[in-house]
Amino acid sequence: MYDSKRLISARAGVIKGPLCLVAFHEGNVPTVEVTGLARAILNACERDVHDGEIMHLVDDNLPSQREYLAGLQRRGMLPSWRILVP
């Protein structure tokens, strides 16, 4: 989940102190913007949801891994020393 001012580093890889193992790929980051998540929750409350029904929420306009990592870097959320793991 993200919004225009906040990202989380969970999709980047493993970050422990000054060490960062970045899961690097050419694909997109499967995430959902916070307002889309709120709409989905409201929608689910208004529906007749069956027990155990699973909903997968992913935005249509997904950032690439490269774009997501660049956003984390701009916000100072990634250590400067990283190992890229394909």
PDB file of N, CA and C in Angstrom:
ATOM      1  N   MET A   1       0.846  -1.166   0.000  1.00  0.00           N
ATOM      2  CA  MET A   1       0.000   0.000   0.000  1.00  0.00           C
ATOM      3  C   MET A   1       0.893   1.231   0.000  1.00  0.00           C
ATOM      4  N   TYR A   2       0.473   2.246  -0.728  1.00  0.00           N
ATOM      5  CA  TYR A   2       1.244   3.472  -0.772  1.00  0.00           C
ATOM      6  C   TYR A   2       0.321   4.650  -1.024  1.00  0.00           C
ATOM      7  N   ASP A   3       0.825   5.844  -0.823  1.00  0.00           N
ATOM      8  CA  ASP A   3       0.130   7.050  -1.239  1.00  0.00           C
ATOM      9  C   ASP A   3       1.170   7.995  -1.809  1.00  0.00           C
ATOM     10  N   SER A   4       0.765   9.198  -2.183  1.00  0.00           N
ATOM     11  CA  SER A   4       1.678  10.096  -2.878  1.00  0.00           C
ATOM     12  C   SER A   4       2.846  10.554  -2.008  1.00  0.00           C
ATOM     13  N   LYS A   5       2.745  10.418  -0.703  1.00  0.00           N
ATOM     14  CA  LYS A   5       3.806  10.880   0.190  1.00  0.00           C
ATOM     15  C   LYS A   5       4.529   9.750   0.922  1.00  0.00           C
ATOM     16  N   ARG A   6       4.046   8.524   0.792  1.00  0.00           N
ATOM     17  CA  ARG A   6       4.592   7.451   1.611  1.00  0.00           C
ATOM     18  C   ARG A   6       4.723   6.156   0.802  1.00  0.00           C
ATOM     19  N   LEU A   7       5.855   5.528   0.934  1.00  0.00           N
ATOM     20  CA  LEU A   7       6.095   4.210   0.362  1.00  0.00           C
ATOM     21  C   LEU A   7       6.587   3.311   1.488  1.00  0.00           C
ATOM     22  N   ILE A   8       6.483   2.009   1.296  1.00  0.00           N
ATOM     23  CA  ILE A   8       7.084   1.084   2.251  1.00  0.00           C
ATOM     24  C   ILE A   8       8.190   0.319   1.535  1.00  0.00           C
ATOM     25  N   SER A   9       9.197  -0.050   2.271  1.00  0.00           N
ATOM     26  CA  SER A   9      10.342  -0.721   1.659  1.00  0.00           C
ATOM     27  C   SER A   9      10.191  -2.241   1.600  1.00  0.00           C
ATOM     28  N   ALA A  10       9.059  -2.775   2.007  1.00  0.00           N
ATOM     29  CA  ALA A  10       8.875  -4.231   2.037  1.00  0.00           C
ATOM     30  C   ALA A  10       9.031  -4.866   0.657  1.00  0.00           C
ATOM     31  N   ARG A  11       8.685  -4.148  -0.395  1.00  0.00           N
ATOM     32  CA  ARG A  11       8.811  -4.699  -1.747  1.00  0.00           C
ATOM     33  C   ARG A  11      10.210  -4.548  -2.317  1.00  0.00           C
ATOM     34  N   ALA A  12      11.107  -3.937  -1.582  1.00  0.00           N
ATOM     35  CA  ALA A  12      12.470  -3.725  -2.071  1.00  0.00           C
ATOM     36  C   ALA A  12      13.332  -4.967  -1.876  1.00  0.00           C
ATOM     37  N   GLY A  13      13.142  -5.679  -0.798  1.00  0.00           N
ATOM     38  CA  GLY A  13      13.972  -6.823  -0.477  1.00  0.00           C
ATOM     39  C   GLY A  13      14.178  -6.896   1.019  1.00  0.00           C
ATOM     40  N   VAL A  14      15.373  -7.286   1.435  1.00  0.00           N
ATOM     41  CA  VAL A  14      15.696  -7.414   2.854  1.00  0.00           C
ATOM     42  C   VAL A  14      16.591  -6.246   3.248  1.00  0.00           C
ATOM     43  N   ILE A  15      16.132  -5.465   4.220  1.00  0.00           N
ATOM     44  CA  ILE A  15      16.908  -4.334   4.713  1.00  0.00           C
ATOM     45  C   ILE A  15      17.168  -4.554   6.196  1.00  0.00           C
ATOM     46  N   LYS A  16      18.429  -4.627   6.550  1.00  0.00           N
ATOM     47  CA  LYS A  16      18.820  -4.850   7.946  1.00  0.00           C
ATOM     48  C   LYS A  16      20.005  -3.940   8.241  1.00  0.00           C
ATOM     49  N   GLY A  17      19.733  -2.845   8.941  1.00  0.00           N
ATOM     50  CA  GLY A  17      20.792  -1.880   9.231  1.00  0.00           C
ATOM     51  C   GLY A  17      21.342  -1.288   7.953  1.00  0.00           C
ATOM     52  N   PRO A  18      22.669  -1.298   7.800  1.00  0.00           N
ATOM     53  CA  PRO A  18      23.258  -0.706   6.602  1.00  0.00           C
ATOM     54  C   PRO A  18      23.267  -1.655   5.401  1.00  0.00           C
ATOM     55  N   LEU A  19      22.807  -2.885   5.584  1.00  0.00           N
ATOM     56  CA  LEU A  19      22.816  -3.872   4.508  1.00  0.00           C
ATOM     57  C   LEU A  19      21.451  -3.957   3.844  1.00  0.00           C
ATOM     58  N   CYS A  20      21.464  -4.031   2.525  1.00  0.00           N
ATOM     59  CA  CYS A  20      20.211  -4.140   1.778  1.00  0.00           C
ATOM     60  C   CYS A  20      20.399  -5.121   0.634  1.00  0.00           C
ATOM     61  N   LEU A  21      19.630  -6.205   0.655  1.00  0.00           N
ATOM     62  CA  LEU A  21      19.579  -7.146  -0.464  1.00  0.00           C
ATOM     63  C   LEU A  21      18.338  -6.808  -1.263  1.00  0.00           C
ATOM     64  N   VAL A  22      18.535  -6.245  -2.439  1.00  0.00           N
ATOM     65  CA  VAL A  22      17.417  -5.779  -3.258  1.00  0.00           C
ATOM     66  C   VAL A  22      17.005  -6.871  -4.230  1.00  0.00           C
ATOM     67  N   ALA A  23      15.732  -7.248  -4.171  1.00  0.00           N
ATOM     68  CA  ALA A  23      15.168  -8.189  -5.130  1.00  0.00           C
ATOM     69  C   ALA A  23      14.905  -7.405  -6.409  1.00  0.00           C
ATOM     70  N   PHE A  24      15.832  -7.466  -7.353  1.00  0.00           N
ATOM     71  CA  PHE A  24      15.752  -6.635  -8.554  1.00  0.00           C
ATOM     72  C   PHE A  24      15.234  -7.440  -9.736  1.00  0.00           C
ATOM     73  N   HIS A  25      14.254  -6.866 -10.425  1.00  0.00           N
ATOM     74  CA  HIS A  25      13.685  -7.506 -11.613  1.00  0.00           C
ATOM     75  C   HIS A  25      13.150  -6.425 -12.534  1.00  0.00           C
ATOM     76  N   GLU A  26      12.788  -6.798 -13.725  1.00  0.00           N
ATOM     77  CA  GLU A  26      12.287  -5.846 -14.720  1.00  0.00           C
ATOM     78  C   GLU A  26      10.760  -5.727 -14.682  1.00  0.00           C
ATOM     79  N   GLY A  27      10.126  -6.412 -13.768  1.00  0.00           N
ATOM     80  CA  GLY A  27       8.665  -6.412 -13.704  1.00  0.00           C
ATOM     81  C   GLY A  27       8.100  -5.250 -12.910  1.00  0.00           C
ATOM     82  N   ASN A  28       6.813  -5.330 -12.651  1.00  0.00           N
ATOM     83  CA  ASN A  28       6.098  -4.313 -11.884  1.00  0.00           C
ATOM     84  C   ASN A  28       5.981  -4.725 -10.424  1.00  0.00           C
ATOM     85  N   VAL A  29       5.726  -3.741  -9.573  1.00  0.00           N
ATOM     86  CA  VAL A  29       5.537  -3.995  -8.148  1.00  0.00           C
ATOM     87  C   VAL A  29       4.032  -4.118  -7.891  1.00  0.00           C
ATOM     88  N   PRO A  30       3.563  -5.292  -7.456  1.00  0.00           N
ATOM     89  CA  PRO A  30       2.130  -5.474  -7.225  1.00  0.00           C
ATOM     90  C   PRO A  30       1.712  -4.774  -5.934  1.00  0.00           C
ATOM     91  N   THR A  31       1.107  -3.630  -6.071  1.00  0.00           N
ATOM     92  CA  THR A  31       0.730  -2.836  -4.915  1.00  0.00           C
ATOM     93  C   THR A  31      -0.597  -2.147  -5.186  1.00  0.00           C
ATOM     94  N   VAL A  32      -1.133  -1.518  -4.195  1.00  0.00           N
ATOM     95  CA  VAL A  32      -2.404  -0.809  -4.346  1.00  0.00           C
ATOM     96  C   VAL A  32      -2.294   0.534  -3.637  1.00  0.00           C
ATOM     97  N   GLU A  33      -2.791   1.568  -4.281  1.00  0.00           N
ATOM     98  CA  GLU A  33      -2.779   2.913  -3.715  1.00  0.00           C
ATOM     99  C   GLU A  33      -3.841   2.990  -2.630  1.00  0.00           C
ATOM    100  N   VAL A  34      -3.585   3.764  -1.586  1.00  0.00           N
ATOM    101  CA  VAL A  34      -4.408   3.757  -0.376  1.00  0.00           C
ATOM    102  C   VAL A  34      -5.873   4.124  -0.656  1.00  0.00           C
ATOM    103  N   THR A  35      -6.143   5.052  -1.568  1.00  0.00           N
ATOM    104  CA  THR A  35      -7.553   5.395  -1.833  1.00  0.00           C
ATOM    105  C   THR A  35      -8.274   4.264  -2.554  1.00  0.00           C
ATOM    106  N   GLY A  36      -7.556   3.540  -3.408  1.00  0.00           N
ATOM    107  CA  GLY A  36      -8.153   2.369  -4.057  1.00  0.00           C
ATOM    108  C   GLY A  36      -8.464   1.279  -3.050  1.00  0.00           C
ATOM    109  N   LEU A  37      -7.601   1.120  -2.070  1.00  0.00           N
ATOM    110  CA  LEU A  37      -7.834   0.146  -1.007  1.00  0.00           C
ATOM    111  C   LEU A  37      -9.069   0.524  -0.192  1.00  0.00           C
ATOM    112  N   ALA A  38      -9.184   1.801   0.146  1.00  0.00           N
ATOM    113  CA  ALA A  38     -10.356   2.261   0.916  1.00  0.00           C
ATOM    114  C   ALA A  38     -11.643   2.017   0.137  1.00  0.00           C
ATOM    115  N   ARG A  39     -11.628   2.301  -1.175  1.00  0.00           N
ATOM    116  CA  ARG A  39     -12.815   2.045  -2.006  1.00  0.00           C
ATOM    117  C   ARG A  39     -13.161   0.569  -2.025  1.00  0.00           C
ATOM    118  N   ALA A  40     -12.153  -0.290  -2.116  1.00  0.00           N
ATOM    119  CA  ALA A  40     -12.383  -1.735  -2.146  1.00  0.00           C
ATOM    120  C   ALA A  40     -12.976  -2.232  -0.830  1.00  0.00           C
ATOM    121  N   ILE A  41     -12.505  -1.691   0.274  1.00  0.00           N
ATOM    122  CA  ILE A  41     -13.051  -2.087   1.583  1.00  0.00           C
ATOM    123  C   ILE A  41     -14.515  -1.684   1.682  1.00  0.00           C
ATOM    124  N   LEU A  42     -14.837  -0.466   1.273  1.00  0.00           N
ATOM    125  CA  LEU A  42     -16.233  -0.019   1.293  1.00  0.00           C
ATOM    126  C   LEU A  42     -17.096  -0.864   0.364  1.00  0.00           C
ATOM    127  N   ASN A  43     -16.571  -1.180  -0.790  1.00  0.00           N
ATOM    128  CA  ASN A  43     -17.286  -2.019  -1.754  1.00  0.00           C
ATOM    129  C   ASN A  43     -17.572  -3.398  -1.158  1.00  0.00           C
ATOM    130  N   ALA A  44     -16.571  -3.977  -0.488  1.00  0.00           N
ATOM    131  CA  ALA A  44     -16.748  -5.300   0.114  1.00  0.00           C
ATOM    132  C   ALA A  44     -17.789  -5.263   1.224  1.00  0.00           C
ATOM    133  N   CYS A  45     -17.867  -4.152   1.966  1.00  0.00           N
ATOM    134  CA  CYS A  45     -18.860  -4.031   3.040  1.00  0.00           C
ATOM    135  C   CYS A  45     -20.277  -3.990   2.486  1.00  0.00           C
ATOM    136  N   GLU A  46     -20.417  -3.482   1.278  1.00  0.00           N
ATOM    137  CA  GLU A  46     -21.745  -3.361   0.668  1.00  0.00           C
ATOM    138  C   GLU A  46     -22.163  -4.610  -0.105  1.00  0.00           C
ATOM    139  N   ARG A  47     -21.237  -5.540  -0.320  1.00  0.00           N
ATOM    140  CA  ARG A  47     -21.526  -6.761  -1.068  1.00  0.00           C
ATOM    141  C   ARG A  47     -21.884  -7.900  -0.134  1.00  0.00           C
ATOM    142  N   ASP A  48     -22.507  -8.904  -0.709  1.00  0.00           N
ATOM    143  CA  ASP A  48     -22.767 -10.141   0.015  1.00  0.00           C
ATOM    144  C   ASP A  48     -21.537 -11.037  -0.186  1.00  0.00           C
ATOM    145  N   VAL A  49     -20.564 -10.918   0.714  1.00  0.00           N
ATOM    146  CA  VAL A  49     -19.315 -11.669   0.606  1.00  0.00           C
ATOM    147  C   VAL A  49     -19.483 -13.002   1.313  1.00  0.00           C
ATOM    148  N   HIS A  50     -19.107 -14.073   0.620  1.00  0.00           N
ATOM    149  CA  HIS A  50     -19.221 -15.417   1.190  1.00  0.00           C
ATOM    150  C   HIS A  50     -18.056 -15.693   2.125  1.00  0.00           C
ATOM    151  N   ASP A  51     -18.288 -16.555   3.094  1.00  0.00           N
ATOM    152  CA  ASP A  51     -17.222 -16.931   4.036  1.00  0.00           C
ATOM    153  C   ASP A  51     -16.007 -17.439   3.271  1.00  0.00           C
ATOM    154  N   GLY A  52     -14.861 -16.922   3.624  1.00  0.00           N
ATOM    155  CA  GLY A  52     -13.619 -17.385   3.023  1.00  0.00           C
ATOM    156  C   GLY A  52     -13.328 -16.833   1.646  1.00  0.00           C
ATOM    157  N   GLU A  53     -14.175 -15.929   1.140  1.00  0.00           N
ATOM    158  CA  GLU A  53     -13.915 -15.349  -0.182  1.00  0.00           C
ATOM    159  C   GLU A  53     -12.664 -14.472  -0.116  1.00  0.00           C
ATOM    160  N   ILE A  54     -11.832 -14.612  -1.120  1.00  0.00           N
ATOM    161  CA  ILE A  54     -10.576 -13.861  -1.163  1.00  0.00           C
ATOM    162  C   ILE A  54     -10.652 -12.818  -2.266  1.00  0.00           C
ATOM    163  N   MET A  55     -10.191 -11.618  -1.944  1.00  0.00           N
ATOM    164  CA  MET A  55     -10.129 -10.545  -2.933  1.00  0.00           C
ATOM    165  C   MET A  55      -8.677 -10.117  -3.083  1.00  0.00           C
ATOM    166  N   HIS A  56      -8.201 -10.060  -4.297  1.00  0.00           N
ATOM    167  CA  HIS A  56      -6.848  -9.583  -4.578  1.00  0.00           C
ATOM    168  C   HIS A  56      -6.957  -8.174  -5.115  1.00  0.00           C
ATOM    169  N   LEU A  57      -6.265  -7.252  -4.476  1.00  0.00           N
ATOM    170  CA  LEU A  57      -6.311  -5.854  -4.878  1.00  0.00           C
ATOM    171  C   LEU A  57      -4.955  -5.434  -5.434  1.00  0.00           C
ATOM    172  N   VAL A  58      -4.943  -5.012  -6.687  1.00  0.00           N
ATOM    173  CA  VAL A  58      -3.736  -4.517  -7.336  1.00  0.00           C
ATOM    174  C   VAL A  58      -4.160  -3.395  -8.264  1.00  0.00           C
ATOM    175  N   ASP A  59      -3.424  -2.285  -8.220  1.00  0.00           N
ATOM    176  CA  ASP A  59      -3.738  -1.163  -9.103  1.00  0.00           C
ATOM    177  C   ASP A  59      -3.518  -1.517 -10.564  1.00  0.00           C
ATOM    178  N   ASP A  60      -4.200  -0.797 -11.449  1.00  0.00           N
ATOM    179  CA  ASP A  60      -4.003  -0.963 -12.887  1.00  0.00           C
ATOM    180  C   ASP A  60      -2.677  -0.359 -13.337  1.00  0.00           C
ATOM    181  N   ASN A  61      -2.302   0.771 -12.757  1.00  0.00           N
ATOM    182  CA  ASN A  61      -1.101   1.490 -13.153  1.00  0.00           C
ATOM    183  C   ASN A  61       0.009   1.203 -12.139  1.00  0.00           C
ATOM    184  N   LEU A  62       0.705   0.089 -12.326  1.00  0.00           N
ATOM    185  CA  LEU A  62       1.716  -0.346 -11.366  1.00  0.00           C
ATOM    186  C   LEU A  62       3.075   0.267 -11.673  1.00  0.00           C
ATOM    187  N   PRO A  63       3.820   0.634 -10.621  1.00  0.00           N
ATOM    188  CA  PRO A  63       5.176   1.123 -10.866  1.00  0.00           C
ATOM    189  C   PRO A  63       6.109  -0.051 -11.186  1.00  0.00           C
ATOM    190  N   SER A  64       7.099   0.211 -12.026  1.00  0.00           N
ATOM    191  CA  SER A  64       8.109  -0.822 -12.266  1.00  0.00           C
ATOM    192  C   SER A  64       8.983  -0.940 -11.025  1.00  0.00           C
ATOM    193  N   GLN A  65       9.703  -2.041 -10.908  1.00  0.00           N
ATOM    194  CA  GLN A  65      10.609  -2.217  -9.771  1.00  0.00           C
ATOM    195  C   GLN A  65      11.625  -1.079  -9.749  1.00  0.00           C
ATOM    196  N   ARG A  66      12.123  -0.691 -10.904  1.00  0.00           N
ATOM    197  CA  ARG A  66      13.102   0.393 -11.001  1.00  0.00           C
ATOM    198  C   ARG A  66      12.512   1.709 -10.490  1.00  0.00           C
ATOM    199  N   GLU A  67      11.262   2.023 -10.875  1.00  0.00           N
ATOM    200  CA  GLU A  67      10.592   3.249 -10.419  1.00  0.00           C
ATOM    201  C   GLU A  67      10.356   3.214  -8.908  1.00  0.00           C
ATOM    202  N   TYR A  68       9.941   2.060  -8.410  1.00  0.00           N
ATOM    203  CA  TYR A  68       9.666   1.923  -6.981  1.00  0.00           C
ATOM    204  C   TYR A  68      10.941   2.108  -6.161  1.00  0.00           C
ATOM    205  N   LEU A  69      12.038   1.482  -6.600  1.00  0.00           N
ATOM    206  CA  LEU A  69      13.305   1.634  -5.900  1.00  0.00           C
ATOM    207  C   LEU A  69      13.800   3.077  -5.964  1.00  0.00           C
ATOM    208  N   ALA A  70      13.603   3.742  -7.098  1.00  0.00           N
ATOM    209  CA  ALA A  70      14.001   5.150  -7.225  1.00  0.00           C
ATOM    210  C   ALA A  70      13.208   6.015  -6.243  1.00  0.00           C
ATOM    211  N   GLY A  71      11.919   5.725  -6.081  1.00  0.00           N
ATOM    212  CA  GLY A  71      11.092   6.453  -5.119  1.00  0.00           C
ATOM    213  C   GLY A  71      11.567   6.241  -3.692  1.00  0.00           C
ATOM    214  N   LEU A  72      11.931   5.010  -3.361  1.00  0.00           N
ATOM    215  CA  LEU A  72      12.463   4.727  -2.022  1.00  0.00           C
ATOM    216  C   LEU A  72      13.788   5.453  -1.804  1.00  0.00           C
ATOM    217  N   GLN A  73      14.621   5.461  -2.834  1.00  0.00           N
ATOM    218  CA  GLN A  73      15.919   6.140  -2.730  1.00  0.00           C
ATOM    219  C   GLN A  73      15.727   7.643  -2.516  1.00  0.00           C
ATOM    220  N   ARG A  74      14.817   8.266  -3.268  1.00  0.00           N
ATOM    221  CA  ARG A  74      14.547   9.699  -3.112  1.00  0.00           C
ATOM    222  C   ARG A  74      14.093  10.038  -1.702  1.00  0.00           C
ATOM    223  N   ARG A  75      13.380   9.136  -1.073  1.00  0.00           N
ATOM    224  CA  ARG A  75      12.861   9.369   0.268  1.00  0.00           C
ATOM    225  C   ARG A  75      13.847   8.936   1.357  1.00  0.00           C
ATOM    226  N   GLY A  76      15.033   8.472   0.950  1.00  0.00           N
ATOM    227  CA  GLY A  76      16.047   8.062   1.927  1.00  0.00           C
ATOM    228  C   GLY A  76      15.717   6.772   2.647  1.00  0.00           C
ATOM    229  N   MET A  77      14.931   5.908   2.009  1.00  0.00           N
ATOM    230  CA  MET A  77      14.491   4.675   2.666  1.00  0.00           C
ATOM    231  C   MET A  77      15.351   3.456   2.327  1.00  0.00           C
ATOM    232  N   LEU A  78      16.355   3.631   1.461  1.00  0.00           N
ATOM    233  CA  LEU A  78      17.257   2.539   1.127  1.00  0.00           C
ATOM    234  C   LEU A  78      18.668   2.919   1.535  1.00  0.00           C
ATOM    235  N   PRO A  79      19.394   1.986   2.144  1.00  0.00           N
ATOM    236  CA  PRO A  79      20.800   2.268   2.443  1.00  0.00           C
ATOM    237  C   PRO A  79      21.568   2.525   1.148  1.00  0.00           C
ATOM    238  N   SER A  80      22.623   3.298   1.231  1.00  0.00           N
ATOM    239  CA  SER A  80      23.399   3.604   0.022  1.00  0.00           C
ATOM    240  C   SER A  80      24.159   2.370  -0.474  1.00  0.00           C
ATOM    241  N   TRP A  81      24.423   1.409   0.403  1.00  0.00           N
ATOM    242  CA  TRP A  81      25.127   0.199   0.014  1.00  0.00           C
ATOM    243  C   TRP A  81      24.107  -0.915  -0.177  1.00  0.00           C
ATOM    244  N   ARG A  82      24.003  -1.407  -1.428  1.00  0.00           N
ATOM    245  CA  ARG A  82      22.996  -2.429  -1.749  1.00  0.00           C
ATOM    246  C   ARG A  82      23.603  -3.546  -2.593  1.00  0.00           C
ATOM    247  N   ILE A  83      23.076  -4.732  -2.434  1.00  0.00           N
ATOM    248  CA  ILE A  83      23.405  -5.860  -3.289  1.00  0.00           C
ATOM    249  C   ILE A  83      22.148  -6.179  -4.089  1.00  0.00           C
ATOM    250  N   LEU A  84      22.250  -6.139  -5.417  1.00  0.00           N
ATOM    251  CA  LEU A  84      21.108  -6.460  -6.269  1.00  0.00           C
ATOM    252  C   LEU A  84      21.055  -7.958  -6.507  1.00  0.00           C
ATOM    253  N   VAL A  85      19.925  -8.555  -6.188  1.00  0.00           N
ATOM    254  CA  VAL A  85      19.719  -9.989  -6.363  1.00  0.00           C
ATOM    255  C   VAL A  85      18.644 -10.177  -7.425  1.00  0.00           C
ATOM    256  N   PRO A  86      19.017 -10.758  -8.581  1.00  0.00           N
ATOM    257  CA  PRO A  86      18.003 -10.936  -9.635  1.00  0.00           C
ATOM    258  C   PRO A  86      16.963 -11.968  -9.248  1.00  0.00           C
TER     259      PRO A  86
END
